[in-house]
Amino acid sequence: MDEEEAGLGLCLPMCDKIVELLHNSRWHSVDELKAKIYLPPEKLASILDFLAKFYFIEFRGEREKSEVKITQLGLSFLEGFI
C-alpha cells in the first residue's frame, strides 16, 4: 500500500463522520467542525475539499469564516448507510 492509499484509508472514516455531523442540512461553520473533529486543521481542510470536489458538501463564505452544508447527494450517501 502506498502513502496515498494509506491516507485514503484514514480519510474515509473521517468523511463519514463529517457527513453524519452535517445530516441536518443546515449550514455549519468550519470552526464548529474543527471543535468536533479531532484532526489538524490542514487535514480537515483536505477532507472538506475532497467532499466538496465530489459534491457531498458545499461551501459558502470566505475560507477562514466559511460554512459547509451537506448536499442532496451527500444525504443520499448517508441514507445508504443508515
N, C-alpha and C. Protein backbone atom coordinates (compact mmCIF):
# COMPACT_ATOMS: atom_id res chain seq x y z
N MET A 1 0.85 -1.17 0.00
CA MET A 1 0.00 0.00 0.00
C MET A 1 0.90 1.24 0.00
N ASP A 2 0.62 2.14 -0.94
CA ASP A 2 1.43 3.36 -0.98
C ASP A 2 0.86 4.41 -0.03
N GLU A 3 1.57 5.54 0.06
CA GLU A 3 1.20 6.60 1.01
C GLU A 3 -0.19 7.17 0.72
N GLU A 4 -0.52 7.33 -0.56
CA GLU A 4 -1.83 7.88 -0.93
C GLU A 4 -2.95 6.93 -0.51
N GLU A 5 -2.78 5.63 -0.75
CA GLU A 5 -3.79 4.66 -0.35
C GLU A 5 -3.95 4.64 1.17
N ALA A 6 -2.85 4.74 1.89
CA ALA A 6 -2.91 4.78 3.35
C ALA A 6 -3.67 6.00 3.82
N GLY A 7 -3.44 7.14 3.19
CA GLY A 7 -4.15 8.37 3.55
C GLY A 7 -5.63 8.27 3.27
N LEU A 8 -6.00 7.64 2.15
CA LEU A 8 -7.41 7.47 1.81
C LEU A 8 -8.09 6.57 2.82
N GLY A 9 -7.40 5.53 3.26
CA GLY A 9 -7.97 4.63 4.26
C GLY A 9 -8.27 5.35 5.56
N LEU A 10 -7.43 6.29 5.94
CA LEU A 10 -7.67 7.08 7.14
C LEU A 10 -8.72 8.15 6.90
N CYS A 11 -8.84 8.61 5.68
CA CYS A 11 -9.76 9.69 5.33
C CYS A 11 -11.22 9.23 5.36
N LEU A 12 -11.48 8.02 4.91
CA LEU A 12 -12.86 7.57 4.76
C LEU A 12 -13.66 7.59 6.06
N PRO A 13 -13.13 7.11 7.19
CA PRO A 13 -13.91 7.22 8.43
C PRO A 13 -14.20 8.67 8.82
N MET A 14 -13.25 9.57 8.57
CA MET A 14 -13.47 10.98 8.87
C MET A 14 -14.51 11.58 7.93
N CYS A 15 -14.50 11.18 6.66
CA CYS A 15 -15.52 11.65 5.71
C CYS A 15 -16.90 11.24 6.21
N ASP A 16 -17.03 10.00 6.63
CA ASP A 16 -18.31 9.51 7.16
C ASP A 16 -18.75 10.33 8.36
N LYS A 17 -17.82 10.59 9.27
CA LYS A 17 -18.16 11.35 10.48
C LYS A 17 -18.61 12.77 10.14
N ILE A 18 -17.92 13.41 9.21
CA ILE A 18 -18.29 14.78 8.81
C ILE A 18 -19.67 14.79 8.18
N VAL A 19 -19.93 13.85 7.28
CA VAL A 19 -21.24 13.78 6.62
C VAL A 19 -22.33 13.55 7.67
N GLU A 20 -22.07 12.70 8.65
CA GLU A 20 -23.05 12.46 9.72
C GLU A 20 -23.31 13.73 10.53
N LEU A 21 -22.26 14.51 10.81
CA LEU A 21 -22.44 15.76 11.56
C LEU A 21 -23.28 16.78 10.79
N LEU A 22 -23.26 16.69 9.47
CA LEU A 22 -23.97 17.65 8.63
C LEU A 22 -25.36 17.16 8.22
N HIS A 23 -25.80 16.03 8.74
CA HIS A 23 -27.03 15.40 8.27
C HIS A 23 -28.29 16.25 8.39
N ASN A 24 -28.28 17.28 9.22
CA ASN A 24 -29.48 18.09 9.42
C ASN A 24 -29.72 19.11 8.31
N SER A 25 -28.86 19.13 7.31
CA SER A 25 -28.99 20.00 6.13
C SER A 25 -28.89 21.49 6.44
N ARG A 26 -28.34 21.83 7.58
CA ARG A 26 -28.11 23.24 7.93
C ARG A 26 -26.66 23.60 7.65
N TRP A 27 -26.41 24.91 7.58
CA TRP A 27 -25.04 25.39 7.41
C TRP A 27 -24.31 25.26 8.74
N HIS A 28 -23.08 24.77 8.70
CA HIS A 28 -22.23 24.62 9.88
C HIS A 28 -20.91 25.33 9.61
N SER A 29 -20.44 26.07 10.59
CA SER A 29 -19.15 26.75 10.41
C SER A 29 -18.02 25.72 10.43
N VAL A 30 -16.98 26.03 9.72
CA VAL A 30 -15.81 25.16 9.72
C VAL A 30 -15.23 25.10 11.14
N ASP A 31 -15.31 26.20 11.88
CA ASP A 31 -14.84 26.21 13.27
C ASP A 31 -15.61 25.20 14.12
N GLU A 32 -16.91 25.09 13.88
CA GLU A 32 -17.73 24.11 14.61
C GLU A 32 -17.22 22.69 14.31
N LEU A 33 -16.93 22.42 13.05
CA LEU A 33 -16.42 21.10 12.69
C LEU A 33 -15.05 20.86 13.32
N LYS A 34 -14.21 21.89 13.35
CA LYS A 34 -12.88 21.75 13.96
C LYS A 34 -13.01 21.34 15.43
N ALA A 35 -14.03 21.86 16.11
CA ALA A 35 -14.23 21.54 17.52
C ALA A 35 -14.72 20.10 17.72
N LYS A 36 -15.38 19.54 16.71
CA LYS A 36 -15.95 18.20 16.84
C LYS A 36 -15.12 17.11 16.17
N ILE A 37 -14.27 17.50 15.24
CA ILE A 37 -13.43 16.53 14.52
C ILE A 37 -11.99 16.77 14.96
N TYR A 38 -11.40 15.79 15.58
CA TYR A 38 -10.06 15.96 16.14
C TYR A 38 -9.00 15.62 15.10
N LEU A 39 -8.77 16.60 14.23
CA LEU A 39 -7.76 16.49 13.18
C LEU A 39 -7.00 17.80 13.09
N PRO A 40 -5.77 17.76 12.61
CA PRO A 40 -5.08 19.02 12.33
C PRO A 40 -5.89 19.82 11.31
N PRO A 41 -5.92 21.14 11.43
CA PRO A 41 -6.73 21.96 10.52
C PRO A 41 -6.47 21.71 9.04
N GLU A 42 -5.21 21.48 8.68
CA GLU A 42 -4.92 21.25 7.25
C GLU A 42 -5.49 19.91 6.77
N LYS A 43 -5.53 18.91 7.64
CA LYS A 43 -6.12 17.61 7.27
C LYS A 43 -7.63 17.74 7.12
N LEU A 44 -8.27 18.45 8.05
CA LEU A 44 -9.71 18.68 7.95
C LEU A 44 -10.03 19.44 6.67
N ALA A 45 -9.24 20.45 6.35
CA ALA A 45 -9.45 21.22 5.12
C ALA A 45 -9.34 20.33 3.90
N SER A 46 -8.38 19.42 3.89
CA SER A 46 -8.22 18.50 2.76
C SER A 46 -9.44 17.59 2.61
N ILE A 47 -9.95 17.10 3.73
CA ILE A 47 -11.12 16.22 3.68
C ILE A 47 -12.35 16.99 3.21
N LEU A 48 -12.53 18.21 3.71
CA LEU A 48 -13.66 19.03 3.26
C LEU A 48 -13.55 19.33 1.77
N ASP A 49 -12.35 19.62 1.30
CA ASP A 49 -12.14 19.86 -0.13
C ASP A 49 -12.49 18.61 -0.94
N PHE A 50 -12.10 17.44 -0.44
CA PHE A 50 -12.41 16.17 -1.10
C PHE A 50 -13.92 15.98 -1.19
N LEU A 51 -14.63 16.19 -0.08
CA LEU A 51 -16.09 16.03 -0.07
C LEU A 51 -16.77 17.02 -1.01
N ALA A 52 -16.26 18.24 -1.07
CA ALA A 52 -16.83 19.25 -1.97
C ALA A 52 -16.54 18.90 -3.43
N LYS A 53 -15.36 18.38 -3.70
CA LYS A 53 -14.98 18.02 -5.07
C LYS A 53 -15.95 17.01 -5.66
N PHE A 54 -16.46 16.12 -4.82
CA PHE A 54 -17.38 15.08 -5.28
C PHE A 54 -18.83 15.40 -4.92
N TYR A 55 -19.10 16.66 -4.59
CA TYR A 55 -20.45 17.20 -4.39
C TYR A 55 -21.22 16.58 -3.21
N PHE A 56 -20.50 16.10 -2.19
CA PHE A 56 -21.16 15.63 -0.98
C PHE A 56 -21.48 16.80 -0.05
N ILE A 57 -20.69 17.86 -0.12
CA ILE A 57 -20.93 19.07 0.67
C ILE A 57 -20.72 20.28 -0.23
N GLU A 58 -21.20 21.43 0.24
CA GLU A 58 -20.93 22.69 -0.46
C GLU A 58 -20.45 23.72 0.55
N PHE A 59 -19.66 24.65 0.07
CA PHE A 59 -19.11 25.74 0.88
C PHE A 59 -19.84 27.04 0.58
N ARG A 60 -19.85 27.93 1.57
CA ARG A 60 -20.22 29.33 1.32
C ARG A 60 -19.39 30.19 2.25
N GLY A 61 -19.13 31.42 1.80
CA GLY A 61 -18.36 32.36 2.60
C GLY A 61 -16.88 32.29 2.32
N GLU A 62 -16.16 33.19 2.98
CA GLU A 62 -14.71 33.26 2.84
C GLU A 62 -14.07 32.07 3.54
N ARG A 63 -12.90 31.70 3.09
CA ARG A 63 -12.22 30.49 3.57
C ARG A 63 -12.10 30.43 5.10
N GLU A 64 -11.66 31.50 5.74
CA GLU A 64 -11.48 31.47 7.19
C GLU A 64 -12.81 31.43 7.94
N LYS A 65 -13.83 32.01 7.36
CA LYS A 65 -15.14 32.06 8.03
C LYS A 65 -16.18 31.30 7.23
N SER A 66 -15.74 30.31 6.49
CA SER A 66 -16.67 29.59 5.62
C SER A 66 -17.55 28.64 6.41
N GLU A 67 -18.63 28.27 5.75
CA GLU A 67 -19.57 27.31 6.29
C GLU A 67 -19.73 26.19 5.28
N VAL A 68 -20.15 25.04 5.78
CA VAL A 68 -20.40 23.90 4.90
C VAL A 68 -21.78 23.34 5.19
N LYS A 69 -22.32 22.70 4.16
CA LYS A 69 -23.65 22.11 4.25
C LYS A 69 -23.65 20.84 3.40
N ILE A 70 -24.35 19.83 3.85
CA ILE A 70 -24.45 18.60 3.08
C ILE A 70 -25.33 18.85 1.86
N THR A 71 -25.03 18.19 0.76
CA THR A 71 -25.83 18.31 -0.45
C THR A 71 -26.83 17.15 -0.50
N GLN A 72 -27.70 17.19 -1.50
CA GLN A 72 -28.65 16.08 -1.67
C GLN A 72 -27.90 14.77 -1.93
N LEU A 73 -26.83 14.85 -2.71
CA LEU A 73 -26.02 13.65 -2.96
C LEU A 73 -25.42 13.13 -1.66
N GLY A 74 -24.93 14.04 -0.82
CA GLY A 74 -24.39 13.64 0.47
C GLY A 74 -25.43 12.99 1.35
N LEU A 75 -26.65 13.52 1.34
CA LEU A 75 -27.75 12.92 2.11
C LEU A 75 -28.08 11.53 1.59
N SER A 76 -28.11 11.38 0.27
CA SER A 76 -28.38 10.07 -0.32
C SER A 76 -27.31 9.06 0.08
N PHE A 77 -26.06 9.51 0.08
CA PHE A 77 -24.96 8.66 0.51
C PHE A 77 -25.15 8.24 1.96
N LEU A 78 -25.49 9.19 2.81
CA LEU A 78 -25.68 8.92 4.24
C LEU A 78 -26.84 7.96 4.45
N GLU A 79 -27.95 8.16 3.75
CA GLU A 79 -29.12 7.29 3.90
C GLU A 79 -28.80 5.85 3.50
N GLY A 80 -27.86 5.67 2.60
CA GLY A 80 -27.46 4.33 2.20
C GLY A 80 -26.78 3.55 3.30
N PHE A 81 -26.29 4.26 4.33
CA PHE A 81 -25.59 3.62 5.43
C PHE A 81 -26.40 3.58 6.72
N ILE A 82 -27.56 4.20 6.71
CA ILE A 82 -28.38 4.22 7.94
C ILE A 82 -29.39 3.10 7.90
